[in-house]
Amino acid sequence: MGCLFCNIVEKKVPATVVYEDENTVAFRDIRPVAPTHVLIVPRKHIPGVRALSHEDEQTIGQLFVAARKVAHQEGLEANGYRLVVNDGDAAGQTVHHIHVHILGGRDLAWPPG
């Protein structure tokens, strides 16, 4: 079946999509750790940060612009929110398709882990 997030992008696997454009798809996390927990993925499959190349700069920029749009749409701008990118198993990355977590809706402690 391949990459879970690629399958969500291709609509082969259901997800609660909250935003999409020509470059990105954002959907609710199935195991949220905050009242608002949305994942944003690029349509292009990139396994993680370590796999990025110079050619991916535009894709990553689009990913963060989409994150800002979703945060606004979800009403998180007034109180703030956290963006998280995990890279590799030891960092907690369970799906190896680069993605940004948007966390908000409650106070978030620091350090996070």
PDB file of N, CA and C in Angstrom:
ATOM      1  N   MET A   1       0.818  -1.187   0.000  1.00  0.00           N
ATOM      2  CA  MET A   1       0.000   0.000   0.000  1.00  0.00           C
ATOM      3  C   MET A   1       0.867   1.258   0.000  1.00  0.00           C
ATOM      4  N   GLY A   2       2.119   1.174   0.381  1.00  0.00           N
ATOM      5  CA  GLY A   2       3.007   2.320   0.294  1.00  0.00           C
ATOM      6  C   GLY A   2       2.870   3.281   1.447  1.00  0.00           C
ATOM      7  N   CYS A   3       3.235   4.523   1.189  1.00  0.00           N
ATOM      8  CA  CYS A   3       3.259   5.578   2.199  1.00  0.00           C
ATOM      9  C   CYS A   3       1.841   5.984   2.597  1.00  0.00           C
ATOM     10  N   LEU A   4       1.571   5.976   3.897  1.00  0.00           N
ATOM     11  CA  LEU A   4       0.248   6.346   4.401  1.00  0.00           C
ATOM     12  C   LEU A   4      -0.141   7.754   3.959  1.00  0.00           C
ATOM     13  N   PHE A   5       0.777   8.701   4.099  1.00  0.00           N
ATOM     14  CA  PHE A   5       0.427  10.083   3.756  1.00  0.00           C
ATOM     15  C   PHE A   5       0.249  10.264   2.249  1.00  0.00           C
ATOM     16  N   CYS A   6       1.013   9.551   1.440  1.00  0.00           N
ATOM     17  CA  CYS A   6       0.785   9.587  -0.016  1.00  0.00           C
ATOM     18  C   CYS A   6      -0.604   9.054  -0.329  1.00  0.00           C
ATOM     19  N   ASN A   7      -1.013   8.013   0.378  1.00  0.00           N
ATOM     20  CA  ASN A   7      -2.345   7.449   0.160  1.00  0.00           C
ATOM     21  C   ASN A   7      -3.447   8.413   0.598  1.00  0.00           C
ATOM     22  N   ILE A   8      -3.205   9.194   1.644  1.00  0.00           N
ATOM     23  CA  ILE A   8      -4.175  10.216   2.041  1.00  0.00           C
ATOM     24  C   ILE A   8      -4.235  11.304   0.974  1.00  0.00           C
ATOM     25  N   VAL A   9      -3.080  11.748   0.498  1.00  0.00           N
ATOM     26  CA  VAL A   9      -3.026  12.762  -0.562  1.00  0.00           C
ATOM     27  C   VAL A   9      -3.787  12.286  -1.801  1.00  0.00           C
ATOM     28  N   GLU A  10      -3.624  11.014  -2.135  1.00  0.00           N
ATOM     29  CA  GLU A  10      -4.275  10.437  -3.314  1.00  0.00           C
ATOM     30  C   GLU A  10      -5.708   9.996  -3.046  1.00  0.00           C
ATOM     31  N   LYS A  11      -6.196  10.245  -1.827  1.00  0.00           N
ATOM     32  CA  LYS A  11      -7.559   9.914  -1.404  1.00  0.00           C
ATOM     33  C   LYS A  11      -7.851   8.408  -1.458  1.00  0.00           C
ATOM     34  N   LYS A  12      -6.812   7.603  -1.272  1.00  0.00           N
ATOM     35  CA  LYS A  12      -6.962   6.154  -1.176  1.00  0.00           C
ATOM     36  C   LYS A  12      -7.255   5.733   0.260  1.00  0.00           C
ATOM     37  N   VAL A  13      -6.908   6.606   1.211  1.00  0.00           N
ATOM     38  CA  VAL A  13      -7.148   6.383   2.630  1.00  0.00           C
ATOM     39  C   VAL A  13      -7.925   7.596   3.140  1.00  0.00           C
ATOM     40  N   PRO A  14      -9.007   7.366   3.890  1.00  0.00           N
ATOM     41  CA  PRO A  14      -9.789   8.509   4.366  1.00  0.00           C
ATOM     42  C   PRO A  14      -9.059   9.300   5.449  1.00  0.00           C
ATOM     43  N   ALA A  15      -9.324  10.590   5.457  1.00  0.00           N
ATOM     44  CA  ALA A  15      -8.799  11.482   6.490  1.00  0.00           C
ATOM     45  C   ALA A  15      -9.734  12.681   6.566  1.00  0.00           C
ATOM     46  N   THR A  16      -9.726  13.350   7.698  1.00  0.00           N
ATOM     47  CA  THR A  16     -10.509  14.569   7.854  1.00  0.00           C
ATOM     48  C   THR A  16      -9.657  15.733   7.365  1.00  0.00           C
ATOM     49  N   VAL A  17      -9.801  16.023   6.089  1.00  0.00           N
ATOM     50  CA  VAL A  17      -9.018  17.076   5.446  1.00  0.00           C
ATOM     51  C   VAL A  17      -9.617  18.430   5.823  1.00  0.00           C
ATOM     52  N   VAL A  18      -8.750  19.346   6.292  1.00  0.00           N
ATOM     53  CA  VAL A  18      -9.207  20.680   6.685  1.00  0.00           C
ATOM     54  C   VAL A  18      -8.714  21.754   5.723  1.00  0.00           C
ATOM     55  N   TYR A  19      -7.752  21.411   4.875  1.00  0.00           N
ATOM     56  CA  TYR A  19      -7.214  22.371   3.916  1.00  0.00           C
ATOM     57  C   TYR A  19      -6.461  21.593   2.849  1.00  0.00           C
ATOM     58  N   GLU A  20      -6.557  22.064   1.622  1.00  0.00           N
ATOM     59  CA  GLU A  20      -5.686  21.543   0.581  1.00  0.00           C
ATOM     60  C   GLU A  20      -5.549  22.569  -0.523  1.00  0.00           C
ATOM     61  N   ASP A  21      -4.398  22.522  -1.163  1.00  0.00           N
ATOM     62  CA  ASP A  21      -4.149  23.350  -2.330  1.00  0.00           C
ATOM     63  C   ASP A  21      -3.346  22.507  -3.315  1.00  0.00           C
ATOM     64  N   GLU A  22      -2.799  23.130  -4.325  1.00  0.00           N
ATOM     65  CA  GLU A  22      -2.100  22.354  -5.356  1.00  0.00           C
ATOM     66  C   GLU A  22      -0.814  21.711  -4.851  1.00  0.00           C
ATOM     67  N   ASN A  23      -0.301  22.167  -3.700  1.00  0.00           N
ATOM     68  CA  ASN A  23       0.976  21.662  -3.200  1.00  0.00           C
ATOM     69  C   ASN A  23       0.910  20.896  -1.894  1.00  0.00           C
ATOM     70  N   THR A  24      -0.142  21.125  -1.105  1.00  0.00           N
ATOM     71  CA  THR A  24      -0.194  20.563   0.241  1.00  0.00           C
ATOM     72  C   THR A  24      -1.580  20.033   0.580  1.00  0.00           C
ATOM     73  N   VAL A  25      -1.614  19.161   1.591  1.00  0.00           N
ATOM     74  CA  VAL A  25      -2.868  18.656   2.152  1.00  0.00           C
ATOM     75  C   VAL A  25      -2.718  18.702   3.669  1.00  0.00           C
ATOM     76  N   ALA A  26      -3.748  19.198   4.352  1.00  0.00           N
ATOM     77  CA  ALA A  26      -3.750  19.258   5.818  1.00  0.00           C
ATOM     78  C   ALA A  26      -4.945  18.475   6.339  1.00  0.00           C
ATOM     79  N   PHE A  27      -4.704  17.663   7.365  1.00  0.00           N
ATOM     80  CA  PHE A  27      -5.760  16.817   7.913  1.00  0.00           C
ATOM     81  C   PHE A  27      -5.554  16.643   9.412  1.00  0.00           C
ATOM     82  N   ARG A  28      -6.634  16.307  10.105  1.00  0.00           N
ATOM     83  CA  ARG A  28      -6.592  16.127  11.560  1.00  0.00           C
ATOM     84  C   ARG A  28      -5.812  14.855  11.915  1.00  0.00           C
ATOM     85  N   ASP A  29      -5.006  14.957  12.956  1.00  0.00           N
ATOM     86  CA  ASP A  29      -4.258  13.802  13.458  1.00  0.00           C
ATOM     87  C   ASP A  29      -5.239  12.836  14.108  1.00  0.00           C
ATOM     88  N   ILE A  30      -5.052  11.553  13.886  1.00  0.00           N
ATOM     89  CA  ILE A  30      -5.980  10.563  14.465  1.00  0.00           C
ATOM     90  C   ILE A  30      -5.704  10.317  15.946  1.00  0.00           C
ATOM     91  N   ARG A  31      -4.550  10.765  16.451  1.00  0.00           N
ATOM     92  CA  ARG A  31      -4.221  10.679  17.878  1.00  0.00           C
ATOM     93  C   ARG A  31      -3.763  12.048  18.363  1.00  0.00           C
ATOM     94  N   PRO A  32      -4.701  12.984  18.468  1.00  0.00           N
ATOM     95  CA  PRO A  32      -4.306  14.355  18.812  1.00  0.00           C
ATOM     96  C   PRO A  32      -3.717  14.471  20.210  1.00  0.00           C
ATOM     97  N   VAL A  33      -2.732  15.369  20.338  1.00  0.00           N
ATOM     98  CA  VAL A  33      -2.118  15.651  21.642  1.00  0.00           C
ATOM     99  C   VAL A  33      -2.457  17.062  22.120  1.00  0.00           C
ATOM    100  N   ALA A  34      -3.301  17.741  21.378  1.00  0.00           N
ATOM    101  CA  ALA A  34      -3.780  19.079  21.738  1.00  0.00           C
ATOM    102  C   ALA A  34      -5.181  19.220  21.156  1.00  0.00           C
ATOM    103  N   PRO A  35      -5.970  20.169  21.661  1.00  0.00           N
ATOM    104  CA  PRO A  35      -7.319  20.355  21.113  1.00  0.00           C
ATOM    105  C   PRO A  35      -7.329  20.548  19.594  1.00  0.00           C
ATOM    106  N   THR A  36      -6.329  21.267  19.086  1.00  0.00           N
ATOM    107  CA  THR A  36      -6.141  21.346  17.638  1.00  0.00           C
ATOM    108  C   THR A  36      -4.830  20.656  17.311  1.00  0.00           C
ATOM    109  N   HIS A  37      -4.889  19.624  16.489  1.00  0.00           N
ATOM    110  CA  HIS A  37      -3.689  18.896  16.054  1.00  0.00           C
ATOM    111  C   HIS A  37      -3.911  18.512  14.599  1.00  0.00           C
ATOM    112  N   VAL A  38      -3.266  19.264  13.732  1.00  0.00           N
ATOM    113  CA  VAL A  38      -3.413  19.077  12.288  1.00  0.00           C
ATOM    114  C   VAL A  38      -2.045  18.757  11.706  1.00  0.00           C
ATOM    115  N   LEU A  39      -2.012  17.836  10.759  1.00  0.00           N
ATOM    116  CA  LEU A  39      -0.789  17.513  10.024  1.00  0.00           C
ATOM    117  C   LEU A  39      -0.875  18.135   8.641  1.00  0.00           C
ATOM    118  N   ILE A  40       0.218  18.723   8.193  1.00  0.00           N
ATOM    119  CA  ILE A  40       0.290  19.286   6.848  1.00  0.00           C
ATOM    120  C   ILE A  40       1.402  18.563   6.120  1.00  0.00           C
ATOM    121  N   VAL A  41       1.077  18.027   4.952  1.00  0.00           N
ATOM    122  CA  VAL A  41       2.048  17.282   4.162  1.00  0.00           C
ATOM    123  C   VAL A  41       2.149  17.882   2.762  1.00  0.00           C
ATOM    124  N   PRO A  42       3.338  17.817   2.172  1.00  0.00           N
ATOM    125  CA  PRO A  42       3.421  18.194   0.772  1.00  0.00           C
ATOM    126  C   PRO A  42       2.865  17.058  -0.089  1.00  0.00           C
ATOM    127  N   ARG A  43       2.318  17.389  -1.221  1.00  0.00           N
ATOM    128  CA  ARG A  43       1.854  16.337  -2.137  1.00  0.00           C
ATOM    129  C   ARG A  43       3.035  15.511  -2.649  1.00  0.00           C
ATOM    130  N   LYS A  44       4.187  16.149  -2.746  1.00  0.00           N
ATOM    131  CA  LYS A  44       5.404  15.446  -3.167  1.00  0.00           C
ATOM    132  C   LYS A  44       5.922  14.605  -2.004  1.00  0.00           C
ATOM    133  N   HIS A  45       6.249  13.365  -2.278  1.00  0.00           N
ATOM    134  CA  HIS A  45       6.802  12.507  -1.227  1.00  0.00           C
ATOM    135  C   HIS A  45       8.264  12.859  -0.983  1.00  0.00           C
ATOM    136  N   ILE A  46       8.537  13.278   0.249  1.00  0.00           N
ATOM    137  CA  ILE A  46       9.900  13.505   0.732  1.00  0.00           C
ATOM    138  C   ILE A  46       9.957  12.795   2.078  1.00  0.00           C
ATOM    139  N   PRO A  47      10.849  11.814   2.251  1.00  0.00           N
ATOM    140  CA  PRO A  47      10.839  11.019   3.485  1.00  0.00           C
ATOM    141  C   PRO A  47      11.052  11.806   4.774  1.00  0.00           C
ATOM    142  N   GLY A  48      11.861  12.836   4.758  1.00  0.00           N
ATOM    143  CA  GLY A  48      12.122  13.602   5.970  1.00  0.00           C
ATOM    144  C   GLY A  48      13.092  14.728   5.689  1.00  0.00           C
ATOM    145  N   VAL A  49      13.463  15.446   6.737  1.00  0.00           N
ATOM    146  CA  VAL A  49      14.359  16.590   6.596  1.00  0.00           C
ATOM    147  C   VAL A  49      15.693  16.160   5.996  1.00  0.00           C
ATOM    148  N   ARG A  50      16.211  15.025   6.445  1.00  0.00           N
ATOM    149  CA  ARG A  50      17.515  14.562   5.943  1.00  0.00           C
ATOM    150  C   ARG A  50      17.495  14.252   4.457  1.00  0.00           C
ATOM    151  N   ALA A  51      16.321  14.074   3.886  1.00  0.00           N
ATOM    152  CA  ALA A  51      16.206  13.766   2.455  1.00  0.00           C
ATOM    153  C   ALA A  51      16.025  15.021   1.594  1.00  0.00           C
ATOM    154  N   LEU A  52      15.945  16.188   2.227  1.00  0.00           N
ATOM    155  CA  LEU A  52      15.728  17.425   1.475  1.00  0.00           C
ATOM    156  C   LEU A  52      16.929  17.752   0.587  1.00  0.00           C
ATOM    157  N   SER A  53      16.603  18.313  -0.561  1.00  0.00           N
ATOM    158  CA  SER A  53      17.641  18.809  -1.462  1.00  0.00           C
ATOM    159  C   SER A  53      17.318  20.259  -1.805  1.00  0.00           C
ATOM    160  N   HIS A  54      18.234  20.886  -2.485  1.00  0.00           N
ATOM    161  CA  HIS A  54      18.048  22.271  -2.906  1.00  0.00           C
ATOM    162  C   HIS A  54      16.765  22.430  -3.721  1.00  0.00           C
ATOM    163  N   GLU A  55      16.402  21.418  -4.464  1.00  0.00           N
ATOM    164  CA  GLU A  55      15.191  21.466  -5.290  1.00  0.00           C
ATOM    165  C   GLU A  55      13.910  21.478  -4.466  1.00  0.00           C
ATOM    166  N   ASP A  56      14.001  21.158  -3.179  1.00  0.00           N
ATOM    167  CA  ASP A  56      12.818  21.099  -2.317  1.00  0.00           C
ATOM    168  C   ASP A  56      12.530  22.403  -1.578  1.00  0.00           C
ATOM    169  N   GLU A  57      13.340  23.430  -1.794  1.00  0.00           N
ATOM    170  CA  GLU A  57      13.159  24.682  -1.059  1.00  0.00           C
ATOM    171  C   GLU A  57      11.763  25.257  -1.259  1.00  0.00           C
ATOM    172  N   GLN A  58      11.281  25.282  -2.479  1.00  0.00           N
ATOM    173  CA  GLN A  58       9.949  25.839  -2.740  1.00  0.00           C
ATOM    174  C   GLN A  58       8.870  24.995  -2.064  1.00  0.00           C
ATOM    175  N   THR A  59       9.008  23.684  -2.122  1.00  0.00           N
ATOM    176  CA  THR A  59       8.033  22.786  -1.495  1.00  0.00           C
ATOM    177  C   THR A  59       7.947  23.036   0.004  1.00  0.00           C
ATOM    178  N   ILE A  60       9.087  23.200   0.665  1.00  0.00           N
ATOM    179  CA  ILE A  60       9.096  23.424   2.109  1.00  0.00           C
ATOM    180  C   ILE A  60       8.522  24.796   2.430  1.00  0.00           C
ATOM    181  N   GLY A  61       8.815  25.781   1.631  1.00  0.00           N
ATOM    182  CA  GLY A  61       8.206  27.100   1.827  1.00  0.00           C
ATOM    183  C   GLY A  61       6.694  27.033   1.712  1.00  0.00           C
ATOM    184  N   GLN A  62       6.199  26.291   0.734  1.00  0.00           N
ATOM    185  CA  GLN A  62       4.752  26.138   0.549  1.00  0.00           C
ATOM    186  C   GLN A  62       4.136  25.419   1.740  1.00  0.00           C
ATOM    187  N   LEU A  63       4.862  24.469   2.306  1.00  0.00           N
ATOM    188  CA  LEU A  63       4.379  23.724   3.468  1.00  0.00           C
ATOM    189  C   LEU A  63       4.156  24.669   4.658  1.00  0.00           C
ATOM    190  N   PHE A  64       5.100  25.581   4.891  1.00  0.00           N
ATOM    191  CA  PHE A  64       4.971  26.501   6.019  1.00  0.00           C
ATOM    192  C   PHE A  64       3.939  27.592   5.759  1.00  0.00           C
ATOM    193  N   VAL A  65       3.783  28.022   4.528  1.00  0.00           N
ATOM    194  CA  VAL A  65       2.724  28.977   4.211  1.00  0.00           C
ATOM    195  C   VAL A  65       1.360  28.321   4.433  1.00  0.00           C
ATOM    196  N   ALA A  66       1.231  27.072   4.036  1.00  0.00           N
ATOM    197  CA  ALA A  66      -0.016  26.342   4.288  1.00  0.00           C
ATOM    198  C   ALA A  66      -0.266  26.211   5.792  1.00  0.00           C
ATOM    199  N   ALA A  67       0.783  25.992   6.570  1.00  0.00           N
ATOM    200  CA  ALA A  67       0.641  25.899   8.031  1.00  0.00           C
ATOM    201  C   ALA A  67       0.070  27.199   8.597  1.00  0.00           C
ATOM    202  N   ARG A  68       0.553  28.331   8.117  1.00  0.00           N
ATOM    203  CA  ARG A  68       0.031  29.617   8.572  1.00  0.00           C
ATOM    204  C   ARG A  68      -1.437  29.759   8.215  1.00  0.00           C
ATOM    205  N   LYS A  69      -1.810  29.346   7.015  1.00  0.00           N
ATOM    206  CA  LYS A  69      -3.213  29.423   6.583  1.00  0.00           C
ATOM    207  C   LYS A  69      -4.102  28.540   7.451  1.00  0.00           C
ATOM    208  N   VAL A  70      -3.642  27.339   7.752  1.00  0.00           N
ATOM    209  CA  VAL A  70      -4.430  26.427   8.587  1.00  0.00           C
ATOM    210  C   VAL A  70      -4.552  26.980  10.003  1.00  0.00           C
ATOM    211  N   ALA A  71      -3.467  27.516  10.548  1.00  0.00           N
ATOM    212  CA  ALA A  71      -3.524  28.101  11.897  1.00  0.00           C
ATOM    213  C   ALA A  71      -4.553  29.230  11.939  1.00  0.00           C
ATOM    214  N   HIS A  72      -4.583  30.044  10.919  1.00  0.00           N
ATOM    215  CA  HIS A  72      -5.576  31.119  10.846  1.00  0.00           C
ATOM    216  C   HIS A  72      -6.986  30.541  10.765  1.00  0.00           C
ATOM    217  N   GLN A  73      -7.162  29.586   9.867  1.00  0.00           N
ATOM    218  CA  GLN A  73      -8.470  28.941   9.667  1.00  0.00           C
ATOM    219  C   GLN A  73      -8.974  28.286  10.950  1.00  0.00           C
ATOM    220  N   GLU A  74      -8.062  27.719  11.744  1.00  0.00           N
ATOM    221  CA  GLU A  74      -8.419  27.018  12.979  1.00  0.00           C
ATOM    222  C   GLU A  74      -8.554  27.962  14.171  1.00  0.00           C
ATOM    223  N   GLY A  75      -8.329  29.253  13.959  1.00  0.00           N
ATOM    224  CA  GLY A  75      -8.485  30.233  15.033  1.00  0.00           C
ATOM    225  C   GLY A  75      -7.363  30.227  16.057  1.00  0.00           C
ATOM    226  N   LEU A  76      -6.161  29.863  15.640  1.00  0.00           N
ATOM    227  CA  LEU A  76      -5.044  29.737  16.575  1.00  0.00           C
ATOM    228  C   LEU A  76      -4.158  30.972  16.663  1.00  0.00           C
ATOM    229  N   GLU A  77      -4.344  31.924  15.785  1.00  0.00           N
ATOM    230  CA  GLU A  77      -3.414  33.065  15.725  1.00  0.00           C
ATOM    231  C   GLU A  77      -3.429  33.926  16.984  1.00  0.00           C
ATOM    232  N   ALA A  78      -4.570  34.142  17.587  1.00  0.00           N
ATOM    233  CA  ALA A  78      -4.668  35.060  18.730  1.00  0.00           C
ATOM    234  C   ALA A  78      -3.819  34.601  19.912  1.00  0.00           C
ATOM    235  N   ASN A  79      -3.844  33.312  20.232  1.00  0.00           N
ATOM    236  CA  ASN A  79      -3.135  32.799  21.403  1.00  0.00           C
ATOM    237  C   ASN A  79      -1.834  32.089  21.067  1.00  0.00           C
ATOM    238  N   GLY A  80      -1.590  31.819  19.798  1.00  0.00           N
ATOM    239  CA  GLY A  80      -0.358  31.151  19.392  1.00  0.00           C
ATOM    240  C   GLY A  80      -0.539  29.662  19.199  1.00  0.00           C
ATOM    241  N   TYR A  81       0.463  29.082  18.600  1.00  0.00           N
ATOM    242  CA  TYR A  81       0.446  27.664  18.267  1.00  0.00           C
ATOM    243  C   TYR A  81       1.874  27.190  18.078  1.00  0.00           C
ATOM    244  N   ARG A  82       2.046  25.904  18.013  1.00  0.00           N
ATOM    245  CA  ARG A  82       3.369  25.316  17.827  1.00  0.00           C
ATOM    246  C   ARG A  82       3.397  24.548  16.512  1.00  0.00           C
ATOM    247  N   LEU A  83       4.505  24.693  15.786  1.00  0.00           N
ATOM    248  CA  LEU A  83       4.768  23.879  14.605  1.00  0.00           C
ATOM    249  C   LEU A  83       5.882  22.909  14.967  1.00  0.00           C
ATOM    250  N   VAL A  84       5.685  21.627  14.656  1.00  0.00           N
ATOM    251  CA  VAL A  84       6.664  20.597  14.994  1.00  0.00           C
ATOM    252  C   VAL A  84       6.971  19.779  13.750  1.00  0.00           C
ATOM    253  N   VAL A  85       8.268  19.548  13.531  1.00  0.00           N
ATOM    254  CA  VAL A  85       8.718  18.652  12.465  1.00  0.00           C
ATOM    255  C   VAL A  85       9.657  17.644  13.108  1.00  0.00           C
ATOM    256  N   ASN A  86       9.299  16.379  13.067  1.00  0.00           N
ATOM    257  CA  ASN A  86      10.148  15.309  13.583  1.00  0.00           C
ATOM    258  C   ASN A  86      10.912  14.704  12.413  1.00  0.00           C
ATOM    259  N   ASP A  87      12.171  14.335  12.647  1.00  0.00           N
ATOM    260  CA  ASP A  87      12.970  13.720  11.586  1.00  0.00           C
ATOM    261  C   ASP A  87      13.656  12.476  12.122  1.00  0.00           C
ATOM    262  N   GLY A  88      13.156  11.334  11.723  1.00  0.00           N
ATOM    263  CA  GLY A  88      13.750  10.062  12.126  1.00  0.00           C
ATOM    264  C   GLY A  88      13.023   9.412  13.282  1.00  0.00           C
ATOM    265  N   ASP A  89      13.259   8.129  13.411  1.00  0.00           N
ATOM    266  CA  ASP A  89      12.580   7.325  14.423  1.00  0.00           C
ATOM    267  C   ASP A  89      12.828   7.828  15.849  1.00  0.00           C
ATOM    268  N   ALA A  90      14.066   8.186  16.179  1.00  0.00           N
ATOM    269  CA  ALA A  90      14.397   8.625  17.538  1.00  0.00           C
ATOM    270  C   ALA A  90      13.693   9.936  17.887  1.00  0.00           C
ATOM    271  N   ALA A  91      13.312  10.695  16.882  1.00  0.00           N
ATOM    272  CA  ALA A  91      12.606  11.961  17.115  1.00  0.00           C
ATOM    273  C   ALA A  91      11.095  11.761  17.173  1.00  0.00           C
ATOM    274  N   GLY A  92      10.635  10.548  16.919  1.00  0.00           N
ATOM    275  CA  GLY A  92       9.207  10.268  16.971  1.00  0.00           C
ATOM    276  C   GLY A  92       8.507  10.273  15.628  1.00  0.00           C
ATOM    277  N   GLN A  93       9.276  10.333  14.531  1.00  0.00           N
ATOM    278  CA  GLN A  93       8.646  10.295  13.212  1.00  0.00           C
ATOM    279  C   GLN A  93       8.190   8.864  12.942  1.00  0.00           C
ATOM    280  N   THR A  94       6.876   8.688  12.793  1.00  0.00           N
ATOM    281  CA  THR A  94       6.336   7.343  12.562  1.00  0.00           C
ATOM    282  C   THR A  94       5.923   7.126  11.111  1.00  0.00           C
ATOM    283  N   VAL A  95       5.672   8.198  10.380  1.00  0.00           N
ATOM    284  CA  VAL A  95       5.388   8.101   8.951  1.00  0.00           C
ATOM    285  C   VAL A  95       6.489   8.884   8.243  1.00  0.00           C
ATOM    286  N   HIS A  96       7.223   8.198   7.395  1.00  0.00           N
ATOM    287  CA  HIS A  96       8.385   8.807   6.748  1.00  0.00           C
ATOM    288  C   HIS A  96       7.991   9.508   5.448  1.00  0.00           C
ATOM    289  N   HIS A  97       7.225  10.568   5.649  1.00  0.00           N
ATOM    290  CA  HIS A  97       6.817  11.534   4.620  1.00  0.00           C
ATOM    291  C   HIS A  97       6.830  12.851   5.375  1.00  0.00           C
ATOM    292  N   ILE A  98       7.708  13.764   5.001  1.00  0.00           N
ATOM    293  CA  ILE A  98       7.877  15.000   5.774  1.00  0.00           C
ATOM    294  C   ILE A  98       6.531  15.653   6.026  1.00  0.00           C
ATOM    295  N   HIS A  99       6.344  16.136   7.247  1.00  0.00           N
ATOM    296  CA  HIS A  99       5.088  16.775   7.615  1.00  0.00           C
ATOM    297  C   HIS A  99       5.301  17.710   8.793  1.00  0.00           C
ATOM    298  N   VAL A 100       4.397  18.667   8.911  1.00  0.00           N
ATOM    299  CA  VAL A 100       4.410  19.626  10.001  1.00  0.00           C
ATOM    300  C   VAL A 100       3.177  19.375  10.855  1.00  0.00           C
ATOM    301  N   HIS A 101       3.370  19.287  12.154  1.00  0.00           N
ATOM    302  CA  HIS A 101       2.263  19.221  13.106  1.00  0.00           C
ATOM    303  C   HIS A 101       1.932  20.651  13.518  1.00  0.00           C
ATOM    304  N   ILE A 102       0.658  21.015  13.490  1.00  0.00           N
ATOM    305  CA  ILE A 102       0.197  22.270  14.088  1.00  0.00           C
ATOM    306  C   ILE A 102      -0.514  21.879  15.371  1.00  0.00           C
ATOM    307  N   LEU A 103      -0.012  22.403  16.492  1.00  0.00           N
ATOM    308  CA  LEU A 103      -0.594  22.123  17.799  1.00  0.00           C
ATOM    309  C   LEU A 103      -1.064  23.424  18.424  1.00  0.00           C
ATOM    310  N   GLY A 104      -2.285  23.426  18.933  1.00  0.00           N
ATOM    311  CA  GLY A 104      -2.796  24.630  19.578  1.00  0.00           C
ATOM    312  C   GLY A 104      -4.067  24.350  20.337  1.00  0.00           C
ATOM    313  N   GLY A 105      -4.623  25.415  20.893  1.00  0.00           N
ATOM    314  CA  GLY A 105      -5.862  25.284  21.629  1.00  0.00           C
ATOM    315  C   GLY A 105      -5.679  25.084  23.117  1.00  0.00           C
ATOM    316  N   ARG A 106      -4.416  25.045  23.577  1.00  0.00           N
ATOM    317  CA  ARG A 106      -4.097  24.966  25.007  1.00  0.00           C
ATOM    318  C   ARG A 106      -2.688  25.480  25.186  1.00  0.00           C
ATOM    319  N   ASP A 107      -2.307  25.773  26.429  1.00  0.00           N
ATOM    320  CA  ASP A 107      -0.929  26.163  26.694  1.00  0.00           C
ATOM    321  C   ASP A 107      -0.020  24.949  26.467  1.00  0.00           C
ATOM    322  N   LEU A 108       1.089  25.182  25.806  1.00  0.00           N
ATOM    323  CA  LEU A 108       2.027  24.112  25.478  1.00  0.00           C
ATOM    324  C   LEU A 108       3.310  24.331  26.277  1.00  0.00           C
ATOM    325  N   ALA A 109       3.704  23.315  27.045  1.00  0.00           N
ATOM    326  CA  ALA A 109       4.870  23.411  27.922  1.00  0.00           C
ATOM    327  C   ALA A 109       6.177  23.393  27.118  1.00  0.00           C
ATOM    328  N   TRP A 110       7.236  23.887  27.753  1.00  0.00           N
ATOM    329  CA  TRP A 110       8.561  23.821  27.166  1.00  0.00           C
ATOM    330  C   TRP A 110       9.538  23.407  28.254  1.00  0.00           C
ATOM    331  N   PRO A 111      10.445  22.504  28.038  1.00  0.00           N
ATOM    332  CA  PRO A 111      10.693  21.829  26.760  1.00  0.00           C
ATOM    333  C   PRO A 111       9.625  20.792  26.466  1.00  0.00           C
ATOM    334  N   PRO A 112       9.453  20.485  25.182  1.00  0.00           N
ATOM    335  CA  PRO A 112       8.336  19.627  24.780  1.00  0.00           C
ATOM    336  C   PRO A 112       8.508  18.152  25.099  1.00  0.00           C
ATOM    337  N   GLY A 113       9.707  17.625  25.115  1.00  0.00           N
ATOM    338  CA  GLY A 113       9.805  16.183  25.232  1.00  0.00           C
ATOM    339  C   GLY A 113      10.699  15.730  26.308  1.00  0.00           C
TER     340      GLY A 113
END
